[in-house]
Amino acid sequence: MSSAPIPELTAVQEAIQKARSRQADGWESLQSLTDWEIYTDGSAPIKNPGGAIGFSSVFVLDKETAWEVYGGTPGRTSEPATSNNRAEIAGALTILEVIYQLTQQGESLPGRVMIVCDSQYVVNCAQGRWKKHKNKDLWRRFDQLMCVARGKKVKIDFRWTRAHVGTKWNERADVLAKDGAFLAIGQDAPQSSDVVSCSPQEPSETKAAVKDSDCHYTLYLYSEMTGKTGAKGSYRLATPNRERTAVVELDDVITLDEAEYQVLLEGFHDLLKTLGDADRDSKDFRVAVDSSRDLMLKQIRGHYGVKSERLQPLHKQVLQTARKFAGVHWNKSDKKDMKEALKSW
């Protein structure tokens, strides 16, 4: 069996740490409760299987507030491919990982935990009614953490609930799971909701969809191969009032998509430096990116997995950098039109 990290488990742990940092008061309030009620969900809103997935767990603190954990991973078509079921398991695992972290830190634990989920697959597998034929890597971790909880006398129950019938915290979990999927690929969910505020002490991280017309900057990209292992690219950084173009020489690339990824990163870094020099926060600005590279755009959006070892680190860097802005809108452009527009390169 491969010892490589499981992306969903890594994403769960990162999401918990992020929630503990950003909702510290909610984390403390949770530890004072002896009975927990948590609504969890998973989502594959773009493509299933193989697309970006998101998960969430909403720990109810009282009638109006909750401590919220959510995150996601980009799409993956290699086995085990990302899927809605893996997203649902990740949501339930988030709760068990929280309990495990408390045991490791010697903190007080709840006596009873009720996990409310709209996935019959998760509820029936968790209760032993259905066999865990697939997603064995995630179920293995699930069983390990359940044993830890039982050893600490924490009683964990699962309850199924019907989705999309107006149940307050289930609806919130659904919104956050979708947000987690789009967050994983550096985008905003097409439709975000303010069903409830996440925590009175913390601003919501849920953002409205980014439209091209809403963007402060536009980044136009164009690349051409100049040899077997060389390329030349250009990006134009534009606002309604001004623009500038830069040329990027690339010596060690073998495909146009690899070149376009690197040109995109150069443009992002240029914009971040420009904003930094002006003492502006990049989180206040939205960016539209125009590219003719269909494969790159579909990988970024989570429609396709990234199989190429040369593209994988570039893809990861692009997603990480995109999160530094308020939002990024990805546009597919015509290559001939883009070349004509960037003649100055």
C-alpha atoms as a PDB file:
ATOM      1  CA  MET A   1       0.000   0.000   0.000  1.00  0.00           C
ATOM      2  CA  SER A   2       1.300   3.456  -0.886  1.00  0.00           C
ATOM      3  CA  SER A   3       2.433   5.653   1.998  1.00  0.00           C
ATOM      4  CA  ALA A   4       1.665   8.825   0.072  1.00  0.00           C
ATOM      5  CA  PRO A   5      -0.513  11.335   1.949  1.00  0.00           C
ATOM      6  CA  ILE A   6      -4.243  11.108   1.275  1.00  0.00           C
ATOM      7  CA  PRO A   7      -5.332  14.541  -0.044  1.00  0.00           C
ATOM      8  CA  GLU A   8      -8.743  14.455   1.673  1.00  0.00           C
ATOM      9  CA  LEU A   9      -7.180  13.750   5.070  1.00  0.00           C
ATOM     10  CA  THR A  10      -4.636  16.519   4.606  1.00  0.00           C
ATOM     11  CA  ALA A  11      -7.440  18.910   3.622  1.00  0.00           C
ATOM     12  CA  VAL A  12      -9.469  17.940   6.719  1.00  0.00           C
ATOM     13  CA  GLN A  13      -6.556  18.649   9.052  1.00  0.00           C
ATOM     14  CA  GLU A  14      -5.809  21.973   7.364  1.00  0.00           C
ATOM     15  CA  ALA A  15      -9.476  22.989   7.553  1.00  0.00           C
ATOM     16  CA  ILE A  16      -9.597  22.245  11.287  1.00  0.00           C
ATOM     17  CA  GLN A  17      -6.495  24.317  11.987  1.00  0.00           C
ATOM     18  CA  LYS A  18      -7.889  27.174   9.941  1.00  0.00           C
ATOM     19  CA  ALA A  19     -11.203  27.083  11.819  1.00  0.00           C
ATOM     20  CA  ARG A  20      -9.442  26.948  15.190  1.00  0.00           C
ATOM     21  CA  SER A  21      -7.409  30.005  14.253  1.00  0.00           C
ATOM     22  CA  ARG A  22     -10.197  32.090  12.743  1.00  0.00           C
ATOM     23  CA  GLN A  23     -12.995  31.096  15.105  1.00  0.00           C
ATOM     24  CA  ALA A  24     -11.075  30.783  18.367  1.00  0.00           C
ATOM     25  CA  ASP A  25     -14.055  31.776  20.532  1.00  0.00           C
ATOM     26  CA  GLY A  26     -16.213  29.150  18.855  1.00  0.00           C
ATOM     27  CA  TRP A  27     -13.541  26.525  19.451  1.00  0.00           C
ATOM     28  CA  GLU A  28     -13.479  27.357  23.151  1.00  0.00           C
ATOM     29  CA  SER A  29     -17.272  27.335  23.371  1.00  0.00           C
ATOM     30  CA  LEU A  30     -17.382  23.903  21.740  1.00  0.00           C
ATOM     31  CA  GLN A  31     -15.127  22.418  24.401  1.00  0.00           C
ATOM     32  CA  SER A  32     -17.524  23.542  27.137  1.00  0.00           C
ATOM     33  CA  LEU A  33     -20.367  21.437  25.702  1.00  0.00           C
ATOM     34  CA  THR A  34     -20.929  17.888  26.931  1.00  0.00           C
ATOM     35  CA  ASP A  35     -23.326  16.994  24.096  1.00  0.00           C
ATOM     36  CA  TRP A  36     -22.434  17.794  20.514  1.00  0.00           C
ATOM     37  CA  GLU A  37     -24.739  18.045  17.526  1.00  0.00           C
ATOM     38  CA  ILE A  38     -22.957  18.399  14.179  1.00  0.00           C
ATOM     39  CA  TYR A  39     -24.342  18.686  10.675  1.00  0.00           C
ATOM     40  CA  THR A  40     -21.978  17.477   7.990  1.00  0.00           C
ATOM     41  CA  ASP A  41     -22.008  17.428   4.200  1.00  0.00           C
ATOM     42  CA  GLY A  42     -19.888  16.733   1.138  1.00  0.00           C
ATOM     43  CA  SER A  43     -20.119  18.136  -2.360  1.00  0.00           C
ATOM     44  CA  ALA A  44     -18.791  17.574  -5.877  1.00  0.00           C
ATOM     45  CA  PRO A  45     -20.438  20.592  -7.541  1.00  0.00           C
ATOM     46  CA  ILE A  46     -18.473  20.714 -10.791  1.00  0.00           C
ATOM     47  CA  LYS A  47     -17.915  17.133 -11.916  1.00  0.00           C
ATOM     48  CA  ASN A  48     -18.509  13.763 -10.256  1.00  0.00           C
ATOM     49  CA  PRO A  49     -16.299  11.786 -10.190  1.00  0.00           C
ATOM     50  CA  GLY A  50     -12.999  13.503 -10.896  1.00  0.00           C
ATOM     51  CA  GLY A  51     -13.896  17.112 -10.081  1.00  0.00           C
ATOM     52  CA  ALA A  52     -13.059  19.338  -7.143  1.00  0.00           C
ATOM     53  CA  ILE A  53     -14.767  18.279  -3.915  1.00  0.00           C
ATOM     54  CA  GLY A  54     -15.664  20.082  -0.711  1.00  0.00           C
ATOM     55  CA  PHE A  55     -16.711  19.027   2.772  1.00  0.00           C
ATOM     56  CA  SER A  56     -18.056  20.721   5.879  1.00  0.00           C
ATOM     57  CA  SER A  57     -18.972  20.121   9.500  1.00  0.00           C
ATOM     58  CA  VAL A  58     -21.158  22.597  11.374  1.00  0.00           C
ATOM     59  CA  PHE A  59     -20.811  22.198  15.153  1.00  0.00           C
ATOM     60  CA  VAL A  60     -23.935  23.708  16.690  1.00  0.00           C
ATOM     61  CA  LEU A  61     -23.143  25.929  19.690  1.00  0.00           C
ATOM     62  CA  ASP A  62     -26.640  27.282  20.315  1.00  0.00           C
ATOM     63  CA  LYS A  63     -29.758  28.132  18.346  1.00  0.00           C
ATOM     64  CA  GLU A  64     -28.069  30.926  16.424  1.00  0.00           C
ATOM     65  CA  THR A  65     -24.342  30.176  16.190  1.00  0.00           C
ATOM     66  CA  ALA A  66     -22.025  27.374  15.163  1.00  0.00           C
ATOM     67  CA  TRP A  67     -18.338  26.580  14.898  1.00  0.00           C
ATOM     68  CA  GLU A  68     -17.731  25.774  11.230  1.00  0.00           C
ATOM     69  CA  VAL A  69     -15.071  23.715   9.501  1.00  0.00           C
ATOM     70  CA  TYR A  70     -14.903  23.405   5.744  1.00  0.00           C
ATOM     71  CA  GLY A  71     -12.387  22.778   2.991  1.00  0.00           C
ATOM     72  CA  GLY A  72     -11.790  20.746  -0.126  1.00  0.00           C
ATOM     73  CA  THR A  73      -9.390  19.302  -2.672  1.00  0.00           C
ATOM     74  CA  PRO A  74      -8.906  19.884  -6.409  1.00  0.00           C
ATOM     75  CA  GLY A  75     -10.213  17.270  -8.837  1.00  0.00           C
ATOM     76  CA  ARG A  76      -8.349  14.004  -9.260  1.00  0.00           C
ATOM     77  CA  THR A  77      -9.035  11.319 -11.872  1.00  0.00           C
ATOM     78  CA  SER A  78      -6.318   8.884 -10.772  1.00  0.00           C
ATOM     79  CA  GLU A  79      -7.539   6.244  -8.350  1.00  0.00           C
ATOM     80  CA  PRO A  80      -9.037   6.853  -5.925  1.00  0.00           C
ATOM     81  CA  ALA A  81     -10.691   9.600  -7.938  1.00  0.00           C
ATOM     82  CA  THR A  82     -12.391  12.452  -6.134  1.00  0.00           C
ATOM     83  CA  SER A  83     -16.125  11.877  -5.747  1.00  0.00           C
ATOM     84  CA  ASN A  84     -19.168  13.033  -3.862  1.00  0.00           C
ATOM     85  CA  ASN A  85     -18.939   9.979  -1.570  1.00  0.00           C
ATOM     86  CA  ARG A  86     -15.330  10.750  -0.661  1.00  0.00           C
ATOM     87  CA  ALA A  87     -16.407  14.321   0.097  1.00  0.00           C
ATOM     88  CA  GLU A  88     -19.182  13.033   2.376  1.00  0.00           C
ATOM     89  CA  ILE A  89     -16.749  10.774   4.241  1.00  0.00           C
ATOM     90  CA  ALA A  90     -14.341  13.692   4.663  1.00  0.00           C
ATOM     91  CA  GLY A  91     -17.101  15.708   6.319  1.00  0.00           C
ATOM     92  CA  ALA A  92     -17.701  12.962   8.891  1.00  0.00           C
ATOM     93  CA  LEU A  93     -13.963  12.445   9.358  1.00  0.00           C
ATOM     94  CA  THR A  94     -13.615  16.123  10.252  1.00  0.00           C
ATOM     95  CA  ILE A  95     -15.655  15.516  13.411  1.00  0.00           C
ATOM     96  CA  LEU A  96     -13.636  12.477  14.422  1.00  0.00           C
ATOM     97  CA  GLU A  97     -10.375  14.325  13.771  1.00  0.00           C
ATOM     98  CA  VAL A  98     -11.530  17.130  16.076  1.00  0.00           C
ATOM     99  CA  ILE A  99     -12.207  14.595  18.839  1.00  0.00           C
ATOM    100  CA  TYR A 100      -8.818  13.005  18.220  1.00  0.00           C
ATOM    101  CA  GLN A 101      -7.049  16.366  18.483  1.00  0.00           C
ATOM    102  CA  LEU A 102      -8.742  17.010  21.818  1.00  0.00           C
ATOM    103  CA  THR A 103      -7.586  13.626  23.127  1.00  0.00           C
ATOM    104  CA  GLN A 104      -4.019  14.377  22.017  1.00  0.00           C
ATOM    105  CA  GLN A 105      -4.082  17.688  23.851  1.00  0.00           C
ATOM    106  CA  GLY A 106      -5.630  16.266  27.006  1.00  0.00           C
ATOM    107  CA  GLU A 107      -8.683  18.514  26.671  1.00  0.00           C
ATOM    108  CA  SER A 108     -12.183  17.689  27.903  1.00  0.00           C
ATOM    109  CA  LEU A 109     -14.292  15.555  25.581  1.00  0.00           C
ATOM    110  CA  PRO A 110     -18.030  15.426  24.941  1.00  0.00           C
ATOM    111  CA  GLY A 111     -20.015  12.541  26.371  1.00  0.00           C
ATOM    112  CA  ARG A 112     -22.348  12.221  23.404  1.00  0.00           C
ATOM    113  CA  VAL A 113     -21.945  13.218  19.760  1.00  0.00           C
ATOM    114  CA  MET A 114     -24.788  13.233  17.262  1.00  0.00           C
ATOM    115  CA  ILE A 115     -23.646  13.464  13.638  1.00  0.00           C
ATOM    116  CA  VAL A 116     -26.456  14.506  11.297  1.00  0.00           C
ATOM    117  CA  CYS A 117     -25.829  13.740   7.633  1.00  0.00           C
ATOM    118  CA  ASP A 118     -27.911  13.689   4.450  1.00  0.00           C
ATOM    119  CA  SER A 119     -25.767  10.922   2.903  1.00  0.00           C
ATOM    120  CA  GLN A 120     -27.313   7.492   3.341  1.00  0.00           C
ATOM    121  CA  TYR A 121     -24.011   6.052   2.142  1.00  0.00           C
ATOM    122  CA  VAL A 122     -22.096   7.562   5.075  1.00  0.00           C
ATOM    123  CA  VAL A 123     -24.764   6.876   7.686  1.00  0.00           C
ATOM    124  CA  ASN A 124     -25.274   3.233   6.684  1.00  0.00           C
ATOM    125  CA  CYS A 125     -21.574   2.473   6.280  1.00  0.00           C
ATOM    126  CA  ALA A 126     -20.743   4.181   9.584  1.00  0.00           C
ATOM    127  CA  GLN A 127     -23.370   2.114  11.395  1.00  0.00           C
ATOM    128  CA  GLY A 128     -22.263  -1.142   9.792  1.00  0.00           C
ATOM    129  CA  ARG A 129     -25.406  -1.670   7.742  1.00  0.00           C
ATOM    130  CA  TRP A 130     -23.541  -1.395   4.438  1.00  0.00           C
ATOM    131  CA  LYS A 131     -20.117  -2.836   3.674  1.00  0.00           C
ATOM    132  CA  LYS A 132     -17.299  -0.410   2.966  1.00  0.00           C
ATOM    133  CA  HIS A 133     -16.334  -1.770  -0.434  1.00  0.00           C
ATOM    134  CA  LYS A 134     -14.915   1.480  -1.832  1.00  0.00           C
ATOM    135  CA  ASN A 135     -12.894   4.391  -0.431  1.00  0.00           C
ATOM    136  CA  LYS A 136     -11.121   2.000   1.907  1.00  0.00           C
ATOM    137  CA  ASP A 137      -8.308   4.461   2.622  1.00  0.00           C
ATOM    138  CA  LEU A 138     -10.749   6.953   4.151  1.00  0.00           C
ATOM    139  CA  TRP A 139     -12.820   4.312   5.921  1.00  0.00           C
ATOM    140  CA  ARG A 140      -9.653   2.880   7.464  1.00  0.00           C
ATOM    141  CA  ARG A 141      -8.929   6.228   9.092  1.00  0.00           C
ATOM    142  CA  PHE A 142     -12.584   6.528  10.069  1.00  0.00           C
ATOM    143  CA  ASP A 143     -12.496   3.176  11.895  1.00  0.00           C
ATOM    144  CA  GLN A 144      -9.250   4.092  13.662  1.00  0.00           C
ATOM    145  CA  LEU A 145     -10.696   7.343  14.956  1.00  0.00           C
ATOM    146  CA  MET A 146     -13.943   5.693  16.016  1.00  0.00           C
ATOM    147  CA  CYS A 147     -11.887   3.280  18.135  1.00  0.00           C
ATOM    148  CA  VAL A 148     -10.085   6.218  19.757  1.00  0.00           C
ATOM    149  CA  ALA A 149     -13.400   7.891  20.590  1.00  0.00           C
ATOM    150  CA  ARG A 150     -14.900   4.715  22.037  1.00  0.00           C
ATOM    151  CA  GLY A 151     -11.772   4.196  24.121  1.00  0.00           C
ATOM    152  CA  LYS A 152     -12.366   7.636  25.642  1.00  0.00           C
ATOM    153  CA  LYS A 153     -16.035   6.792  26.373  1.00  0.00           C
ATOM    154  CA  VAL A 154     -17.375   9.174  23.751  1.00  0.00           C
ATOM    155  CA  LYS A 155     -20.675   7.834  22.415  1.00  0.00           C
ATOM    156  CA  ILE A 156     -21.096   8.670  18.723  1.00  0.00           C
ATOM    157  CA  ASP A 157     -24.393   8.271  16.868  1.00  0.00           C
ATOM    158  CA  PHE A 158     -25.373   8.995  13.268  1.00  0.00           C
ATOM    159  CA  ARG A 159     -28.710  10.302  12.057  1.00  0.00           C
ATOM    160  CA  TRP A 160     -29.807  10.690   8.464  1.00  0.00           C
ATOM    161  CA  THR A 161     -31.698  13.807   7.417  1.00  0.00           C
ATOM    162  CA  ARG A 162     -33.304  14.656   4.112  1.00  0.00           C
ATOM    163  CA  ALA A 163     -31.428  17.299   2.145  1.00  0.00           C
ATOM    164  CA  HIS A 164     -32.830  20.591   0.802  1.00  0.00           C
ATOM    165  CA  VAL A 165     -35.966  20.701   2.921  1.00  0.00           C
ATOM    166  CA  GLY A 166     -35.060  23.869   4.821  1.00  0.00           C
ATOM    167  CA  THR A 167     -33.303  22.314   7.835  1.00  0.00           C
ATOM    168  CA  LYS A 168     -31.255  25.264   9.053  1.00  0.00           C
ATOM    169  CA  TRP A 169     -27.876  23.706   9.810  1.00  0.00           C
ATOM    170  CA  ASN A 170     -28.092  21.134   7.033  1.00  0.00           C
ATOM    171  CA  GLU A 171     -28.576  23.968   4.560  1.00  0.00           C
ATOM    172  CA  ARG A 172     -25.578  25.764   6.046  1.00  0.00           C
ATOM    173  CA  ALA A 173     -23.432  22.639   5.759  1.00  0.00           C
ATOM    174  CA  ASP A 174     -24.471  22.307   2.120  1.00  0.00           C
ATOM    175  CA  VAL A 175     -23.399  25.886   1.351  1.00  0.00           C
ATOM    176  CA  LEU A 176     -20.040  25.471   3.059  1.00  0.00           C
ATOM    177  CA  ALA A 177     -19.279  22.149   1.364  1.00  0.00           C
ATOM    178  CA  LYS A 178     -19.797  23.744  -2.043  1.00  0.00           C
ATOM    179  CA  ASP A 179     -17.693  26.723  -1.001  1.00  0.00           C
ATOM    180  CA  GLY A 180     -14.954  24.300   0.059  1.00  0.00           C
ATOM    181  CA  ALA A 181     -14.838  22.732  -3.392  1.00  0.00           C
ATOM    182  CA  PHE A 182     -14.511  26.060  -5.185  1.00  0.00           C
ATOM    183  CA  LEU A 183     -12.033  27.338  -2.595  1.00  0.00           C
ATOM    184  CA  ALA A 184      -9.822  24.341  -3.406  1.00  0.00           C
ATOM    185  CA  ILE A 185      -9.492  25.542  -7.008  1.00  0.00           C
ATOM    186  CA  GLY A 186      -9.186  29.235  -6.233  1.00  0.00           C
ATOM    187  CA  GLN A 187     -12.716  30.184  -7.225  1.00  0.00           C
ATOM    188  CA  ASP A 188     -15.867  31.419  -5.558  1.00  0.00           C
ATOM    189  CA  ALA A 189     -19.013  29.321  -5.551  1.00  0.00           C
ATOM    190  CA  PRO A 190     -21.477  30.376  -8.273  1.00  0.00           C
ATOM    191  CA  GLN A 191     -24.203  30.872  -5.703  1.00  0.00           C
ATOM    192  CA  SER A 192     -23.385  31.634  -2.117  1.00  0.00           C
ATOM    193  CA  SER A 193     -25.874  31.934   0.693  1.00  0.00           C
ATOM    194  CA  ASP A 194     -26.220  33.763   3.956  1.00  0.00           C
ATOM    195  CA  VAL A 195     -28.663  31.250   5.453  1.00  0.00           C
ATOM    196  CA  VAL A 196     -27.099  31.993   8.849  1.00  0.00           C
ATOM    197  CA  SER A 197     -24.009  33.818  10.006  1.00  0.00           C
ATOM    198  CA  CYS A 198     -21.195  31.392  10.711  1.00  0.00           C
ATOM    199  CA  SER A 199     -20.013  32.830  14.008  1.00  0.00           C
ATOM    200  CA  PRO A 200     -20.761  36.203  15.560  1.00  0.00           C
ATOM    201  CA  GLN A 201     -17.092  36.735  16.351  1.00  0.00           C
ATOM    202  CA  GLU A 202     -15.809  35.975  12.859  1.00  0.00           C
ATOM    203  CA  PRO A 203     -16.515  37.372   9.385  1.00  0.00           C
ATOM    204  CA  SER A 204     -17.923  34.868   6.932  1.00  0.00           C
ATOM    205  CA  GLU A 205     -15.457  33.544   4.369  1.00  0.00           C
ATOM    206  CA  THR A 206     -18.285  32.862   1.937  1.00  0.00           C
ATOM    207  CA  LYS A 207     -18.032  35.235  -1.014  1.00  0.00           C
ATOM    208  CA  ALA A 208     -20.329  36.086  -3.888  1.00  0.00           C
ATOM    209  CA  ALA A 209     -19.546  34.745  -7.326  1.00  0.00           C
ATOM    210  CA  VAL A 210     -16.871  36.677  -9.213  1.00  0.00           C
ATOM    211  CA  LYS A 211     -18.087  37.980 -12.546  1.00  0.00           C
ATOM    212  CA  ASP A 212     -15.874  39.356 -15.278  1.00  0.00           C
ATOM    213  CA  SER A 213     -17.501  42.768 -14.985  1.00  0.00           C
ATOM    214  CA  ASP A 214     -16.781  42.854 -11.237  1.00  0.00           C
ATOM    215  CA  CYS A 215     -13.017  42.459 -11.613  1.00  0.00           C
ATOM    216  CA  HIS A 216     -10.531  45.215 -10.851  1.00  0.00           C
ATOM    217  CA  TYR A 217      -7.748  43.757 -13.039  1.00  0.00           C
ATOM    218  CA  THR A 218      -7.630  41.625 -16.169  1.00  0.00           C
ATOM    219  CA  LEU A 219      -4.657  39.408 -16.961  1.00  0.00           C
ATOM    220  CA  TYR A 220      -4.373  38.428 -20.640  1.00  0.00           C
ATOM    221  CA  LEU A 221      -2.065  35.485 -21.416  1.00  0.00           C
ATOM    222  CA  TYR A 222      -0.401  34.239 -24.603  1.00  0.00           C
ATOM    223  CA  SER A 223       2.345  31.635 -25.144  1.00  0.00           C
ATOM    224  CA  GLU A 224       4.215  30.163 -28.117  1.00  0.00           C
ATOM    225  CA  MET A 225       6.798  27.405 -28.330  1.00  0.00           C
ATOM    226  CA  THR A 226      10.139  28.591 -29.751  1.00  0.00           C
ATOM    227  CA  GLY A 227      11.829  25.188 -29.823  1.00  0.00           C
ATOM    228  CA  LYS A 228      11.592  21.695 -28.365  1.00  0.00           C
ATOM    229  CA  THR A 229      12.319  22.940 -24.846  1.00  0.00           C
ATOM    230  CA  GLY A 230      11.754  26.660 -25.074  1.00  0.00           C
ATOM    231  CA  ALA A 231       8.859  29.074 -25.206  1.00  0.00           C
ATOM    232  CA  LYS A 232       8.046  32.748 -25.190  1.00  0.00           C
ATOM    233  CA  GLY A 233       5.041  34.217 -23.504  1.00  0.00           C
ATOM    234  CA  SER A 234       3.409  37.507 -22.743  1.00  0.00           C
ATOM    235  CA  TYR A 235       0.928  38.805 -20.260  1.00  0.00           C
ATOM    236  CA  ARG A 236      -0.948  42.076 -20.304  1.00  0.00           C
ATOM    237  CA  LEU A 237      -2.110  43.458 -16.980  1.00  0.00           C
ATOM    238  CA  ALA A 238      -4.982  45.864 -17.523  1.00  0.00           C
ATOM    239  CA  THR A 239      -7.435  48.070 -15.667  1.00  0.00           C
ATOM    240  CA  PRO A 240     -10.071  50.329 -17.258  1.00  0.00           C
ATOM    241  CA  ASN A 241      -7.585  53.219 -17.079  1.00  0.00           C
ATOM    242  CA  ARG A 242      -4.175  51.715 -17.843  1.00  0.00           C
ATOM    243  CA  GLU A 243      -2.350  48.602 -18.957  1.00  0.00           C
ATOM    244  CA  ARG A 244       1.132  47.194 -19.380  1.00  0.00           C
ATOM    245  CA  THR A 245       2.604  44.198 -21.173  1.00  0.00           C
ATOM    246  CA  ALA A 246       5.554  42.032 -20.157  1.00  0.00           C
ATOM    247  CA  VAL A 247       7.448  39.346 -22.063  1.00  0.00           C
ATOM    248  CA  VAL A 248       8.483  36.081 -20.405  1.00  0.00           C
ATOM    249  CA  GLU A 249      11.311  33.954 -21.846  1.00  0.00           C
ATOM    250  CA  LEU A 250      11.110  30.279 -20.876  1.00  0.00           C
ATOM    251  CA  ASP A 251      14.031  27.903 -21.466  1.00  0.00           C
ATOM    252  CA  ASP A 252      12.886  24.624 -19.897  1.00  0.00           C
ATOM    253  CA  VAL A 253       9.332  23.854 -20.997  1.00  0.00           C
ATOM    254  CA  ILE A 254       7.994  21.135 -23.272  1.00  0.00           C
ATOM    255  CA  THR A 255       4.308  22.014 -23.720  1.00  0.00           C
ATOM    256  CA  LEU A 256       2.253  25.150 -24.221  1.00  0.00           C
ATOM    257  CA  ASP A 257       0.248  24.422 -21.075  1.00  0.00           C
ATOM    258  CA  GLU A 258       3.441  24.362 -19.033  1.00  0.00           C
ATOM    259  CA  ALA A 259       4.428  27.672 -20.586  1.00  0.00           C
ATOM    260  CA  GLU A 260       1.007  29.206 -19.937  1.00  0.00           C
ATOM    261  CA  TYR A 261       1.068  28.149 -16.279  1.00  0.00           C
ATOM    262  CA  GLN A 262       4.425  29.895 -15.847  1.00  0.00           C
ATOM    263  CA  VAL A 263       3.274  33.033 -17.656  1.00  0.00           C
ATOM    264  CA  LEU A 264       0.169  33.095 -15.451  1.00  0.00           C
ATOM    265  CA  LEU A 265       2.307  32.867 -12.310  1.00  0.00           C
ATOM    266  CA  GLU A 266       4.531  35.702 -13.564  1.00  0.00           C
ATOM    267  CA  GLY A 267       1.459  37.854 -14.101  1.00  0.00           C
ATOM    268  CA  PHE A 268       0.038  37.038 -10.668  1.00  0.00           C
ATOM    269  CA  HIS A 269       3.351  37.835  -8.976  1.00  0.00           C
ATOM    270  CA  ASP A 270       3.622  41.097 -10.906  1.00  0.00           C
ATOM    271  CA  LEU A 271       0.174  42.133  -9.712  1.00  0.00           C
ATOM    272  CA  LEU A 272       0.891  41.139  -6.115  1.00  0.00           C
ATOM    273  CA  LYS A 273       4.094  43.194  -6.159  1.00  0.00           C
ATOM    274  CA  THR A 274       2.269  46.156  -7.686  1.00  0.00           C
ATOM    275  CA  LEU A 275      -0.379  46.051  -4.960  1.00  0.00           C
ATOM    276  CA  GLY A 276       2.220  45.521  -2.250  1.00  0.00           C
ATOM    277  CA  ASP A 277       4.293  48.492  -3.414  1.00  0.00           C
ATOM    278  CA  ALA A 278       1.142  50.614  -3.240  1.00  0.00           C
ATOM    279  CA  ASP A 279       0.400  49.290   0.254  1.00  0.00           C
ATOM    280  CA  ARG A 280      -2.825  47.701  -0.976  1.00  0.00           C
ATOM    281  CA  ASP A 281      -4.249  44.402   0.306  1.00  0.00           C
ATOM    282  CA  SER A 282      -4.616  41.869  -2.528  1.00  0.00           C
ATOM    283  CA  LYS A 283      -7.649  40.415  -0.734  1.00  0.00           C
ATOM    284  CA  ASP A 284      -9.521  43.583  -1.707  1.00  0.00           C
ATOM    285  CA  PHE A 285      -9.110  42.971  -5.453  1.00  0.00           C
ATOM    286  CA  ARG A 286     -10.682  40.613  -7.973  1.00  0.00           C
ATOM    287  CA  VAL A 287      -8.906  39.421 -11.103  1.00  0.00           C
ATOM    288  CA  ALA A 288     -10.101  38.127 -14.478  1.00  0.00           C
ATOM    289  CA  VAL A 289      -7.701  35.798 -16.314  1.00  0.00           C
ATOM    290  CA  ASP A 290      -8.001  35.328 -20.090  1.00  0.00           C
ATOM    291  CA  SER A 291      -6.230  32.318 -21.606  1.00  0.00           C
ATOM    292  CA  SER A 292      -6.631  30.169 -24.718  1.00  0.00           C
ATOM    293  CA  ARG A 293      -5.243  27.039 -23.011  1.00  0.00           C
ATOM    294  CA  ASP A 294      -8.317  24.874 -22.513  1.00  0.00           C
ATOM    295  CA  LEU A 295      -6.504  22.105 -20.609  1.00  0.00           C
ATOM    296  CA  MET A 296      -4.963  24.499 -18.108  1.00  0.00           C
ATOM    297  CA  LEU A 297      -8.283  26.237 -17.454  1.00  0.00           C
ATOM    298  CA  LYS A 298     -10.121  22.942 -16.973  1.00  0.00           C
ATOM    299  CA  GLN A 299      -7.443  21.740 -14.564  1.00  0.00           C
ATOM    300  CA  ILE A 300      -7.694  24.970 -12.573  1.00  0.00           C
ATOM    301  CA  ARG A 301     -11.493  24.740 -12.492  1.00  0.00           C
ATOM    302  CA  GLY A 302     -11.277  21.130 -11.315  1.00  0.00           C
ATOM    303  CA  HIS A 303     -12.828  19.618 -14.435  1.00  0.00           C
ATOM    304  CA  TYR A 304      -9.686  17.611 -15.174  1.00  0.00           C
ATOM    305  CA  GLY A 305      -7.078  16.076 -12.924  1.00  0.00           C
ATOM    306  CA  VAL A 306      -3.385  16.950 -13.325  1.00  0.00           C
ATOM    307  CA  LYS A 307      -1.475  13.835 -14.354  1.00  0.00           C
ATOM    308  CA  SER A 308       1.709  15.471 -15.645  1.00  0.00           C
ATOM    309  CA  GLU A 309       4.463  15.630 -13.020  1.00  0.00           C
ATOM    310  CA  ARG A 310       5.707  18.830 -14.671  1.00  0.00           C
ATOM    311  CA  LEU A 311       2.323  20.516 -14.365  1.00  0.00           C
ATOM    312  CA  GLN A 312       1.402  19.365 -10.854  1.00  0.00           C
ATOM    313  CA  PRO A 313       3.647  21.838  -8.937  1.00  0.00           C
ATOM    314  CA  LEU A 314       2.653  24.685 -11.277  1.00  0.00           C
ATOM    315  CA  HIS A 315      -1.038  23.875 -10.818  1.00  0.00           C
ATOM    316  CA  LYS A 316      -0.605  23.896  -7.037  1.00  0.00           C
ATOM    317  CA  GLN A 317       1.223  27.242  -7.113  1.00  0.00           C
ATOM    318  CA  VAL A 318      -1.492  28.811  -9.267  1.00  0.00           C
ATOM    319  CA  LEU A 319      -4.256  27.716  -6.873  1.00  0.00           C
ATOM    320  CA  GLN A 320      -2.335  28.931  -3.838  1.00  0.00           C
ATOM    321  CA  THR A 321      -1.586  32.284  -5.465  1.00  0.00           C
ATOM    322  CA  ALA A 322      -5.165  32.755  -6.688  1.00  0.00           C
ATOM    323  CA  ARG A 323      -6.375  32.514  -3.073  1.00  0.00           C
ATOM    324  CA  LYS A 324      -4.444  35.692  -2.280  1.00  0.00           C
ATOM    325  CA  PHE A 325      -7.035  37.711  -4.206  1.00  0.00           C
ATOM    326  CA  ALA A 326     -10.676  38.387  -3.394  1.00  0.00           C
ATOM    327  CA  GLY A 327     -11.578  36.128  -6.310  1.00  0.00           C
ATOM    328  CA  VAL A 328     -10.468  35.039  -9.762  1.00  0.00           C
ATOM    329  CA  HIS A 329     -12.672  34.698 -12.842  1.00  0.00           C
ATOM    330  CA  TRP A 330     -11.286  32.327 -15.499  1.00  0.00           C
ATOM    331  CA  ASN A 331     -12.096  33.110 -19.158  1.00  0.00           C
ATOM    332  CA  LYS A 332     -11.509  30.922 -22.209  1.00  0.00           C
ATOM    333  CA  SER A 333     -10.332  33.111 -25.097  1.00  0.00           C
ATOM    334  CA  ASP A 334      -9.581  32.459 -28.757  1.00  0.00           C
ATOM    335  CA  LYS A 335      -5.862  31.955 -29.422  1.00  0.00           C
ATOM    336  CA  LYS A 336      -5.864  33.987 -32.648  1.00  0.00           C
ATOM    337  CA  ASP A 337      -7.671  36.862 -30.980  1.00  0.00           C
ATOM    338  CA  MET A 338      -5.265  36.768 -28.044  1.00  0.00           C
ATOM    339  CA  LYS A 339      -2.225  36.823 -30.341  1.00  0.00           C
ATOM    340  CA  GLU A 340      -3.650  39.780 -32.212  1.00  0.00           C
ATOM    341  CA  ALA A 341      -4.362  41.625 -28.969  1.00  0.00           C
ATOM    342  CA  LEU A 342      -0.826  41.057 -27.720  1.00  0.00           C
ATOM    343  CA  LYS A 343       1.124  42.033 -30.832  1.00  0.00           C
ATOM    344  CA  SER A 344       3.287  44.278 -28.714  1.00  0.00           C
ATOM    345  CA  TRP A 345       5.023  41.255 -27.210  1.00  0.00           C
END
